[in-house]
Amino acid sequence: MAPLYPPTLDTHQAAVLDGTSVDAGDTPRAVSPETRRADAARDSGIAEKRQVRAPAPLPPKPANTRYYSLDLWRGAACIMLVLYHATFYGDYHFRIADTSTWTWAGLPLYAIRHCWLGVPIFFVISGYCIAASVDSLRRRPHSLRDYFVRRARRIYPPLWIMCGMAALYTWAMTNIPLVRAECAQLHDLSTLSIWQWLGNFLAIESWRHHWGGGESAYLMPNTWTLCYEEQFYFVTGVLLALAPRRFFQAAAWLTVAVIVARHALPWFGMSHNGFFWDGHWTLFAAGILVYHALNCSDAHRRRWTLAVFLLGMFYGAAERILASDPVQKHQGEYLFVACAFAVALMFLRKWDEPVARHWVFAPLRWCGQRSYSIYLTHYLVVVVVSSWLAYRGMHSEWQVATIVVPVCLLASLPGAVLFYELVERRFLNRPLNAPKTSLAGGPQPSNERGVSNNVAHATRPAAGEIG
């Protein structure tokens, strides 16, 4: 009788098909139905395990995630902080609820004194840019290493150079008796401990004091925001390492945990001052959510995102009204502004490129491309100039609005330009999708704006970079 299996099968395969088995001596023996069912179940289990272990593929990267007009917003936020720091030495009588205090100079100066709004705007922009960077890097090999290398290269060398310059500047200014007596923002360098110097150089001074070494003391007081930025970058890198395929879900759960922790920890006598879980993470998370909504969601999910932002505005307003601690009240204001700005970014995306290219906004674009240099260099110059003008009698609302603020703005820009040209631009990261420069020196591929990549890299930070 002809065999039931093809002649190309070996003895063992044929025996299996015929319902027999082959022992060590190649003697066929019958295989029971129970054995065949057990073998089939075992093979099915192995296949299922292999299927479970296979990693789920990442969703495709959006075609274009760059939000071009963020440069304008970054420039506006940076100028807002310069203006705000110029108002420290004025006499202010304007009260929004008391019309008898309203003056032509008091109203604009009242607005300038609320230019701290630039801080939550900066944090939202950082959240969007870092989310864009992570979303691109997590599809690449060595993504975690590249993420931290790019962050450290972009932030620390300019910060270290500026800390050295700030120490020399502060030493020179405090040796002038008039400046030492009138400018309260300059720190006495002789009182800084080695730990405080280290905290300033590593941008950890906002939370370093929890581990000893005295209270926080800033060489440049405005760098408290950079201390939070560094925490945001570190936490985002941890999320990239632990959940590269579920990065946005992990960021959402972390945000919920932060909201719970900032209210729960004080009940247990635990201080969170200076740490990202004191509520500042929520501002950064708003930018991450904007990125996800605009680039990774459909219209239905974007409506839910808007609802989340409206809930955040309500939460921030309620904290501003109900909280008894002034710090918590101010945190509520930050959250309200961040969520409102996030909503604006979602609606303004459709006009992004036309607005970013319009010549009217060229000054803001210029400032946005140099915002890290302006941020690092302006503070010490502005406080010295404003304190000296106040000493010269320019401290009324009218004088501060029309003389002190414009003079401080103009005085802060030359140093920022020099710092950008000599320092910052040397540490700009290439965009993640940029081709390498040709060694032959031939023409380089153009980006989406039709500008040579070499030129574009030299004039603006890549997506995902601060400054």
Protein backbone atom coordinates (compact mmCIF):
# COMPACT_ATOMS: atom_id res chain seq x y z
CA MET A 1 0.00 0.00 0.00
CA ALA A 2 1.38 3.41 -0.96
CA PRO A 3 2.34 5.68 1.93
CA LEU A 4 0.00 8.52 2.81
CA TYR A 5 2.79 11.10 3.06
CA PRO A 6 4.98 12.61 0.35
CA PRO A 7 8.23 10.78 -0.39
CA THR A 8 10.27 13.90 0.38
CA LEU A 9 9.61 13.68 4.14
CA ASP A 10 12.11 11.96 6.38
CA THR A 11 11.27 9.02 8.61
CA HIS A 12 10.47 11.14 11.68
CA GLN A 13 8.15 13.55 9.82
CA ALA A 14 6.39 10.66 8.12
CA ALA A 15 5.91 8.88 11.41
CA VAL A 16 4.34 11.94 12.94
CA LEU A 17 1.92 12.32 10.04
CA ASP A 18 1.03 8.62 10.27
CA GLY A 19 0.40 8.85 14.01
CA THR A 20 3.56 7.03 15.05
CA SER A 21 6.75 8.10 16.77
CA VAL A 22 10.40 7.27 16.23
CA ASP A 23 12.57 6.20 19.13
CA ALA A 24 16.34 6.27 19.32
CA GLY A 25 16.60 3.09 17.30
CA ASP A 26 14.35 4.41 14.50
CA THR A 27 11.70 1.86 15.43
CA PRO A 28 8.24 3.36 14.87
CA ARG A 29 5.81 3.18 17.76
CA ALA A 30 2.20 4.25 18.04
CA VAL A 31 1.37 7.68 19.49
CA SER A 32 -1.75 7.97 21.59
CA PRO A 33 -4.39 10.67 20.87
CA GLU A 34 -3.71 12.16 24.31
CA THR A 35 -0.04 12.62 23.41
CA ARG A 36 -0.91 14.28 20.12
CA ARG A 37 -3.32 16.68 21.89
CA ALA A 38 -0.64 17.52 24.51
CA ASP A 39 1.93 18.21 21.78
CA ALA A 40 -0.53 20.45 19.94
CA ALA A 41 -1.35 22.35 23.14
CA ARG A 42 2.35 22.78 23.91
CA ASP A 43 3.07 24.08 20.41
CA SER A 44 0.09 26.44 20.63
CA GLY A 45 1.32 27.78 24.00
CA ILE A 46 4.79 28.44 22.61
CA ALA A 47 3.27 30.33 19.68
CA GLU A 48 1.11 32.40 22.01
CA LYS A 49 4.10 33.27 24.20
CA ARG A 50 6.08 34.35 21.16
CA GLN A 51 3.15 36.48 20.04
CA VAL A 52 2.89 38.19 23.45
CA ARG A 53 6.59 38.89 23.63
CA ALA A 54 6.65 40.59 20.23
CA PRO A 55 6.76 44.38 20.89
CA ALA A 56 3.92 46.42 19.50
CA PRO A 57 5.04 48.66 16.65
CA LEU A 58 5.19 52.38 17.31
CA PRO A 59 2.59 54.51 15.54
CA PRO A 60 3.90 56.23 12.42
CA LYS A 61 5.59 59.56 13.01
CA PRO A 62 3.48 62.57 12.00
CA ALA A 63 4.57 64.17 8.74
CA ASN A 64 5.39 67.61 10.17
CA THR A 65 5.33 68.29 13.89
CA ARG A 66 7.14 71.61 13.90
CA TYR A 67 5.09 74.53 15.19
CA TYR A 68 6.89 77.39 13.47
CA SER A 69 5.30 80.29 15.32
CA LEU A 70 6.55 78.95 18.66
CA ASP A 71 9.66 81.02 17.93
CA LEU A 72 7.44 84.10 18.05
CA TRP A 73 5.82 83.04 21.31
CA ARG A 74 9.22 82.22 22.78
CA GLY A 75 10.48 85.67 21.83
CA ALA A 76 7.38 87.34 23.27
CA ALA A 77 7.71 85.42 26.55
CA CYS A 78 11.39 86.32 26.81
CA ILE A 79 10.74 90.04 26.27
CA MET A 80 7.91 89.89 28.81
CA LEU A 81 10.34 88.67 31.47
CA VAL A 82 12.86 91.39 30.63
CA LEU A 83 10.15 94.02 31.04
CA TYR A 84 8.94 92.47 34.28
CA HIS A 85 12.42 92.47 35.82
CA ALA A 86 12.76 96.16 34.96
CA THR A 87 9.89 97.13 37.29
CA PHE A 88 11.40 96.13 40.65
CA TYR A 89 12.24 99.69 41.78
CA GLY A 90 9.06 101.63 41.04
CA ASP A 91 6.33 103.24 43.14
CA TYR A 92 3.00 101.66 42.25
CA HIS A 93 -0.42 103.02 43.16
CA PHE A 94 -2.59 101.51 40.44
CA ARG A 95 -5.33 99.17 41.69
CA ILE A 96 -7.56 97.51 39.14
CA ALA A 97 -10.55 97.58 41.51
CA ASP A 98 -10.09 101.24 42.47
CA THR A 99 -10.71 103.60 39.54
CA SER A 100 -9.40 106.56 41.51
CA THR A 101 -5.88 105.09 41.19
CA TRP A 102 -6.04 104.74 37.41
CA THR A 103 -3.54 106.83 35.47
CA TRP A 104 -2.29 106.84 31.88
CA ALA A 105 1.05 105.43 33.01
CA GLY A 106 -0.36 103.19 35.73
CA LEU A 107 -2.45 101.03 33.40
CA PRO A 108 0.37 99.93 31.04
CA LEU A 109 2.72 99.54 33.98
CA TYR A 110 0.13 97.34 35.69
CA ALA A 111 0.18 95.15 32.58
CA ILE A 112 4.00 95.06 32.55
CA ARG A 113 4.06 94.00 36.18
CA HIS A 114 2.02 90.97 35.13
CA CYS A 115 4.57 89.93 32.52
CA TRP A 116 5.52 87.02 34.76
CA LEU A 117 3.00 85.34 32.44
CA GLY A 118 6.03 84.59 30.30
CA VAL A 119 7.08 81.82 32.72
CA PRO A 120 4.10 79.45 32.17
CA ILE A 121 4.23 80.28 28.44
CA PHE A 122 7.88 79.19 28.36
CA PHE A 123 7.05 75.94 30.16
CA VAL A 124 4.25 75.06 27.75
CA ILE A 125 6.52 75.73 24.76
CA SER A 126 9.21 73.52 26.32
CA GLY A 127 6.68 70.74 26.85
CA TYR A 128 5.65 70.84 23.19
CA CYS A 129 9.24 70.90 21.90
CA ILE A 130 10.49 68.13 24.15
CA ALA A 131 7.48 65.97 23.24
CA ALA A 132 8.37 66.47 19.56
CA SER A 133 11.97 65.50 20.27
CA VAL A 134 11.02 62.38 22.25
CA ASP A 135 8.45 61.32 19.64
CA SER A 136 11.18 61.40 17.01
CA LEU A 137 13.98 59.91 19.12
CA ARG A 138 12.01 56.91 20.38
CA ARG A 139 11.94 55.56 16.81
CA ARG A 140 15.73 55.63 16.59
CA PRO A 141 18.48 53.42 18.04
CA HIS A 142 20.28 54.80 21.09
CA SER A 143 17.35 57.18 21.65
CA LEU A 144 17.93 57.57 25.40
CA ARG A 145 21.64 58.35 25.00
CA ASP A 146 20.94 60.85 22.23
CA TYR A 147 18.19 62.49 24.27
CA PHE A 148 20.41 63.24 27.27
CA VAL A 149 23.43 64.18 25.16
CA ARG A 150 21.37 66.72 23.23
CA ARG A 151 19.90 68.19 26.43
CA ALA A 152 23.27 68.47 28.17
CA ARG A 153 25.02 69.95 25.13
CA ARG A 154 22.29 72.53 24.60
CA ILE A 155 21.94 73.70 28.20
CA TYR A 156 25.08 73.26 30.26
CA PRO A 157 28.01 74.78 28.33
CA PRO A 158 26.27 78.18 27.86
CA LEU A 159 25.10 78.05 31.48
CA TRP A 160 28.62 77.35 32.78
CA ILE A 161 30.13 80.15 30.73
CA MET A 162 27.42 82.56 31.85
CA CYS A 163 27.90 81.57 35.52
CA GLY A 164 31.56 82.50 35.22
CA MET A 165 30.69 85.81 33.58
CA ALA A 166 27.98 86.48 36.19
CA ALA A 167 30.47 85.89 39.01
CA LEU A 168 32.91 88.40 37.51
CA TYR A 169 30.13 90.91 36.82
CA THR A 170 28.68 90.59 40.31
CA TRP A 171 32.11 90.95 41.91
CA ALA A 172 32.79 94.11 39.88
CA MET A 173 29.38 95.67 40.60
CA THR A 174 29.43 94.91 44.34
CA ASN A 175 32.78 96.68 44.57
CA ILE A 176 30.97 99.89 43.59
CA PRO A 177 29.50 101.24 46.86
CA LEU A 178 26.48 102.85 45.18
CA VAL A 179 25.47 99.68 43.35
CA ARG A 180 26.09 97.53 46.41
CA ALA A 181 23.83 99.78 48.47
CA GLU A 182 21.02 100.21 45.94
CA CYS A 183 20.77 96.89 44.05
CA ALA A 184 19.25 94.23 46.27
CA GLN A 185 19.33 91.48 43.64
CA LEU A 186 23.12 91.11 43.52
CA HIS A 187 24.28 88.29 45.77
CA ASP A 188 27.27 88.57 48.06
CA LEU A 189 29.64 86.03 46.51
CA SER A 190 31.57 85.56 49.74
CA THR A 191 28.49 84.02 51.39
CA LEU A 192 27.97 81.28 48.80
CA SER A 193 28.95 77.80 49.96
CA ILE A 194 30.52 75.19 47.71
CA TRP A 195 27.15 73.43 47.57
CA GLN A 196 25.39 76.60 46.46
CA TRP A 197 27.98 77.15 43.74
CA LEU A 198 27.45 73.56 42.63
CA GLY A 199 23.68 74.02 42.67
CA ASN A 200 23.97 77.03 40.37
CA PHE A 201 26.37 75.34 37.95
CA LEU A 202 24.22 72.20 37.68
CA ALA A 203 20.85 74.05 37.68
CA ILE A 204 19.67 72.11 40.74
CA GLU A 205 19.60 74.97 43.23
CA SER A 206 15.79 75.01 43.49
CA TRP A 207 15.80 71.63 45.26
CA ARG A 208 19.41 71.12 46.34
CA HIS A 209 18.73 72.72 49.76
CA HIS A 210 16.59 69.71 50.70
CA TRP A 211 19.80 67.68 50.80
CA GLY A 212 21.77 70.10 52.97
CA GLY A 213 24.08 73.01 52.36
CA GLY A 214 21.86 75.88 53.52
CA GLU A 215 19.03 77.69 51.77
CA SER A 216 18.77 78.23 48.02
CA ALA A 217 20.93 81.10 46.77
CA TYR A 218 21.00 82.00 43.08
CA LEU A 219 23.91 83.64 41.33
CA MET A 220 21.30 84.72 38.75
CA PRO A 221 17.91 84.66 40.49
CA ASN A 222 15.94 84.18 37.28
CA THR A 223 17.55 80.74 36.76
CA TRP A 224 15.11 79.18 39.20
CA THR A 225 13.01 78.39 36.12
CA LEU A 226 15.96 76.60 34.49
CA CYS A 227 16.18 74.39 37.59
CA TYR A 228 12.62 73.26 36.88
CA GLU A 229 13.35 72.83 33.16
CA GLU A 230 16.22 70.47 34.00
CA GLN A 231 13.88 68.40 36.18
CA PHE A 232 11.35 68.27 33.35
CA TYR A 233 14.03 67.06 30.93
CA PHE A 234 15.26 64.40 33.36
CA VAL A 235 11.77 63.08 34.13
CA THR A 236 10.91 63.01 30.43
CA GLY A 237 14.08 61.01 29.76
CA VAL A 238 13.05 58.51 32.45
CA LEU A 239 9.64 58.15 30.79
CA LEU A 240 11.39 57.60 27.45
CA ALA A 241 13.50 54.84 29.04
CA LEU A 242 10.64 53.10 30.86
CA ALA A 243 7.78 53.49 28.40
CA PRO A 244 8.96 54.45 24.90
CA ARG A 245 5.84 52.97 23.31
CA ARG A 246 3.50 54.41 25.91
CA PHE A 247 5.25 57.72 26.49
CA PHE A 248 2.16 59.93 26.31
CA GLN A 249 0.10 57.63 28.52
CA ALA A 250 2.93 57.56 31.07
CA ALA A 251 3.16 61.38 31.01
CA ALA A 252 -0.60 61.60 31.61
CA TRP A 253 -0.49 59.27 34.62
CA LEU A 254 2.50 61.15 36.02
CA THR A 255 0.55 64.41 35.74
CA VAL A 256 -2.33 62.91 37.71
CA ALA A 257 0.14 61.68 40.34
CA VAL A 258 1.71 65.15 40.60
CA ILE A 259 -1.68 66.80 41.14
CA VAL A 260 -2.46 64.32 43.93
CA ALA A 261 1.02 64.61 45.48
CA ARG A 262 1.09 68.41 45.62
CA HIS A 263 -2.00 68.36 47.82
CA ALA A 264 -1.31 65.16 49.76
CA LEU A 265 2.35 65.57 50.74
CA PRO A 266 1.87 68.69 52.90
CA TRP A 267 -0.59 66.74 55.01
CA PHE A 268 2.25 64.39 55.94
CA GLY A 269 4.63 67.24 56.71
CA MET A 270 6.69 66.68 53.54
CA SER A 271 8.01 69.73 51.71
CA HIS A 272 7.90 69.74 47.91
CA ASN A 273 9.24 73.26 47.43
CA GLY A 274 11.54 73.36 44.41
CA PHE A 275 10.62 69.91 43.10
CA PHE A 276 8.68 69.35 39.89
CA TRP A 277 5.81 67.72 41.78
CA ASP A 278 4.97 71.00 43.52
CA GLY A 279 2.73 71.65 40.49
CA HIS A 280 5.13 73.09 37.92
CA TRP A 281 5.14 69.79 36.03
CA THR A 282 1.51 70.42 35.05
CA LEU A 283 2.62 73.45 33.00
CA PHE A 284 5.14 71.35 31.11
CA ALA A 285 2.58 68.56 30.69
CA ALA A 286 0.19 71.03 29.05
CA GLY A 287 2.72 71.44 26.24
CA ILE A 288 3.07 67.65 25.88
CA LEU A 289 -0.70 67.36 25.61
CA VAL A 290 -0.84 70.08 22.95
CA TYR A 291 1.73 68.17 20.89
CA HIS A 292 -0.21 64.91 21.23
CA ALA A 293 -3.53 66.55 20.37
CA LEU A 294 -2.23 68.31 17.25
CA ASN A 295 -0.06 65.51 15.87
CA CYS A 296 -1.30 62.17 17.24
CA SER A 297 -5.07 62.57 17.74
CA ASP A 298 -8.21 62.78 15.67
CA ALA A 299 -10.89 65.47 15.90
CA HIS A 300 -12.86 63.58 18.56
CA ARG A 301 -9.87 63.25 20.86
CA ARG A 302 -8.94 66.89 20.34
CA ARG A 303 -12.34 67.85 21.73
CA TRP A 304 -11.56 65.83 24.84
CA THR A 305 -8.20 67.59 25.05
CA LEU A 306 -9.92 70.97 25.00
CA ALA A 307 -12.17 69.76 27.81
CA VAL A 308 -9.08 68.81 29.84
CA PHE A 309 -7.59 72.27 29.34
CA LEU A 310 -10.85 73.97 30.35
CA LEU A 311 -10.90 71.80 33.47
CA GLY A 312 -7.31 72.86 34.15
CA MET A 313 -8.28 76.53 33.83
CA PHE A 314 -11.09 75.98 36.31
CA TYR A 315 -8.72 74.17 38.69
CA GLY A 316 -6.17 76.99 38.47
CA ALA A 317 -8.79 79.70 38.99
CA ALA A 318 -10.23 77.86 41.99
CA GLU A 319 -6.80 77.56 43.57
CA ARG A 320 -6.13 81.24 42.93
CA ILE A 321 -9.34 82.16 44.76
CA LEU A 322 -9.51 79.55 47.52
CA ALA A 323 -5.90 78.82 48.47
CA SER A 324 -4.58 80.51 51.62
CA ASP A 325 -0.88 80.13 50.77
CA PRO A 326 0.37 82.91 48.43
CA VAL A 327 2.66 80.40 46.71
CA GLN A 328 -0.28 78.14 45.93
CA LYS A 329 -2.31 81.12 44.73
CA HIS A 330 0.46 82.02 42.31
CA GLN A 331 0.70 78.39 41.19
CA GLY A 332 -3.01 78.53 40.40
CA GLU A 333 -2.38 81.60 38.24
CA TYR A 334 0.42 79.76 36.44
CA LEU A 335 -1.82 76.79 35.69
CA PHE A 336 -4.68 78.99 34.46
CA VAL A 337 -2.34 80.85 32.07
CA ALA A 338 -0.68 77.63 30.85
CA CYS A 339 -4.00 75.96 30.01
CA ALA A 340 -5.34 79.12 28.34
CA PHE A 341 -2.17 79.39 26.24
CA ALA A 342 -2.44 75.69 25.34
CA VAL A 343 -6.00 76.24 24.07
CA ALA A 344 -4.77 79.21 22.02
CA LEU A 345 -2.02 77.07 20.45
CA MET A 346 -4.56 74.46 19.37
CA PHE A 347 -6.78 77.01 17.65
CA LEU A 348 -3.93 79.01 16.09
CA ARG A 349 -2.23 76.03 14.45
CA LYS A 350 -4.11 76.53 11.17
CA TRP A 351 -2.44 79.94 10.73
CA ASP A 352 0.94 78.78 11.97
CA GLU A 353 3.21 79.19 8.94
CA PRO A 354 1.69 82.44 7.56
CA VAL A 355 2.02 84.08 10.98
CA ALA A 356 5.55 82.76 11.52
CA ARG A 357 6.72 84.14 8.16
CA HIS A 358 5.02 87.54 8.35
CA TRP A 359 7.44 90.44 8.42
CA VAL A 360 5.50 92.17 11.22
CA PHE A 361 6.65 89.48 13.65
CA ALA A 362 10.28 89.45 12.52
CA PRO A 363 11.53 91.13 15.76
CA LEU A 364 9.80 88.50 17.90
CA ARG A 365 11.17 85.74 15.70
CA TRP A 366 14.66 87.22 16.08
CA CYS A 367 14.29 87.31 19.87
CA GLY A 368 12.84 83.80 19.96
CA GLN A 369 15.84 82.38 18.12
CA ARG A 370 18.12 83.99 20.72
CA SER A 371 15.87 83.61 23.75
CA TYR A 372 18.24 81.39 25.74
CA SER A 373 20.98 84.02 25.45
CA ILE A 374 18.56 86.80 26.38
CA TYR A 375 17.32 84.70 29.30
CA LEU A 376 20.82 84.05 30.66
CA THR A 377 22.29 87.52 30.21
CA HIS A 378 19.54 90.08 30.81
CA TYR A 379 18.77 89.79 34.52
CA LEU A 380 21.91 91.18 36.15
CA VAL A 381 22.12 94.02 33.62
CA VAL A 382 18.48 94.99 34.05
CA VAL A 383 18.46 95.06 37.86
CA VAL A 384 21.63 97.17 38.01
CA VAL A 385 20.33 99.68 35.44
CA SER A 386 16.86 99.91 37.01
CA SER A 387 18.26 100.33 40.53
CA TRP A 388 20.62 103.08 39.35
CA LEU A 389 17.77 104.90 37.56
CA ALA A 390 15.66 104.63 40.71
CA TYR A 391 18.51 106.12 42.70
CA ARG A 392 18.54 108.99 40.20
CA GLY A 393 14.89 109.65 41.03
CA MET A 394 13.13 107.71 38.25
CA HIS A 395 10.72 105.58 40.24
CA SER A 396 7.25 107.05 39.65
CA GLU A 397 4.78 105.08 37.55
CA TRP A 398 5.17 107.48 34.64
CA GLN A 399 8.97 107.42 34.75
CA VAL A 400 9.19 103.64 35.08
CA ALA A 401 6.77 103.09 32.17
CA THR A 402 8.30 105.61 29.77
CA ILE A 403 12.02 105.65 30.70
CA VAL A 404 13.16 102.81 32.96
CA VAL A 405 11.50 99.92 31.11
CA PRO A 406 12.61 100.96 27.57
CA VAL A 407 16.16 101.75 28.75
CA CYS A 408 16.47 98.37 30.48
CA LEU A 409 15.21 96.55 27.39
CA LEU A 410 17.72 98.30 25.13
CA ALA A 411 20.55 97.77 27.63
CA SER A 412 19.91 94.01 27.81
CA LEU A 413 20.02 93.22 24.08
CA PRO A 414 23.67 93.95 23.10
CA GLY A 415 25.05 91.53 25.65
CA ALA A 416 22.56 88.88 24.58
CA VAL A 417 23.56 89.26 20.92
CA LEU A 418 27.26 88.91 21.74
CA PHE A 419 26.61 85.89 23.95
CA TYR A 420 24.57 84.21 21.22
CA GLU A 421 27.16 84.80 18.52
CA LEU A 422 30.19 83.88 20.65
CA VAL A 423 28.73 81.12 22.82
CA GLU A 424 25.22 79.79 22.32
CA ARG A 425 25.21 79.17 18.57
CA ARG A 426 28.23 76.88 18.99
CA PHE A 427 26.10 74.49 21.03
CA LEU A 428 22.93 74.40 18.93
CA ASN A 429 21.82 70.86 18.11
CA ARG A 430 21.15 69.80 14.55
CA PRO A 431 17.50 68.95 13.81
CA LEU A 432 16.89 65.24 14.19
CA ASN A 433 15.88 64.82 10.55
CA ALA A 434 18.75 66.87 9.12
CA PRO A 435 21.18 65.22 6.69
CA LYS A 436 24.85 65.34 7.50
CA THR A 437 26.93 68.10 5.96
CA SER A 438 28.61 67.06 2.77
CA LEU A 439 32.38 66.75 3.06
CA ALA A 440 32.70 67.83 -0.55
CA GLY A 441 31.19 71.19 0.30
CA GLY A 442 28.49 70.85 -2.35
CA PRO A 443 24.97 72.32 -2.15
CA GLN A 444 22.97 71.05 0.79
CA PRO A 445 19.37 69.79 0.66
CA SER A 446 16.74 72.38 1.46
CA ASN A 447 14.28 72.18 4.30
CA GLU A 448 10.54 72.68 4.00
CA ARG A 449 11.00 76.46 3.88
CA GLY A 450 13.32 76.24 0.91
CA VAL A 451 16.26 77.36 3.04
CA SER A 452 19.59 75.57 3.02
CA ASN A 453 19.80 73.30 6.05
CA ASN A 454 23.17 74.77 6.99
CA VAL A 455 21.66 78.25 7.15
CA ALA A 456 18.56 77.08 8.99
CA HIS A 457 20.60 75.25 11.63
CA ALA A 458 22.74 78.28 12.30
CA THR A 459 19.84 80.69 12.75
CA ARG A 460 17.32 78.81 14.85
CA PRO A 461 17.21 76.05 17.48
CA ALA A 462 15.91 72.67 16.46
CA ALA A 463 12.49 71.51 17.59
CA GLY A 464 12.78 70.25 21.10
CA GLU A 465 15.43 72.74 22.18
CA ILE A 466 15.03 75.62 24.55
CA GLY A 467 16.26 79.06 23.72
